[in-house]
Amino acid sequence: MAWWDLTRTAKDFQAAGTFQSHLAWLLVGLGLREPKRIARSITLDAGYAVAKGGRATLRVGADTLLRRVEILEAEVTQLHRELAAVEGKADERADKLAKAVKELGIEQRDAIQKLEGKVQALAVGGHDMLVFGLIYVAIGTIIAALSPELASAAHGQWGAILSRFQ
């Protein structure tokens, strides 16, 4: 399984498979094939930016001045593309953040309004029930105070009622 995975990964990166690599090393080791020799001077300038996922410069050999200018122009063009991509991502992120802040503001305003409604309900809560209760108590008090007169009126004794008020 590991052999198949390594071979597939090598093919994905367009490299020779592990079997071909081992066979080549075996042939070189047995002296049946000359090893590949590459002789070039390479200068690699890499620093903190590479560790942070930045960029590195690779110069191979000594190029002419014209070739170096072409390379610099290509790198400047690439920098412009990368800068435009970064600016686009930054703008996109800023738009997302602005939208999130706006939505959060709306949510907070709604929550504050709900809270104000609850506070008002607690402070004045049951006001209509209190007014109804007050009216009910007033009517009940009046009826209780006039109960002897109401009882007399129910039996048709209007003369006794009128004599009490004179």
Foldseek 3Di string as FASTA:
>chain_A
DVLVVQQVVCVVVPHHRPVVVVVVVVCVVVVNDPDDDDDWDKDKDDDPQVVVVHDIDIDIHDDDPVVVVVVVVVVVVVVVVVVVVVVVVVVVVVVVVVVVVVVVVVVVVVVVVVVVVVVCCVVCNCVVVVVVVVVVVVVVVVCVVCVVVVVCVVVVNVVVNVVVVD
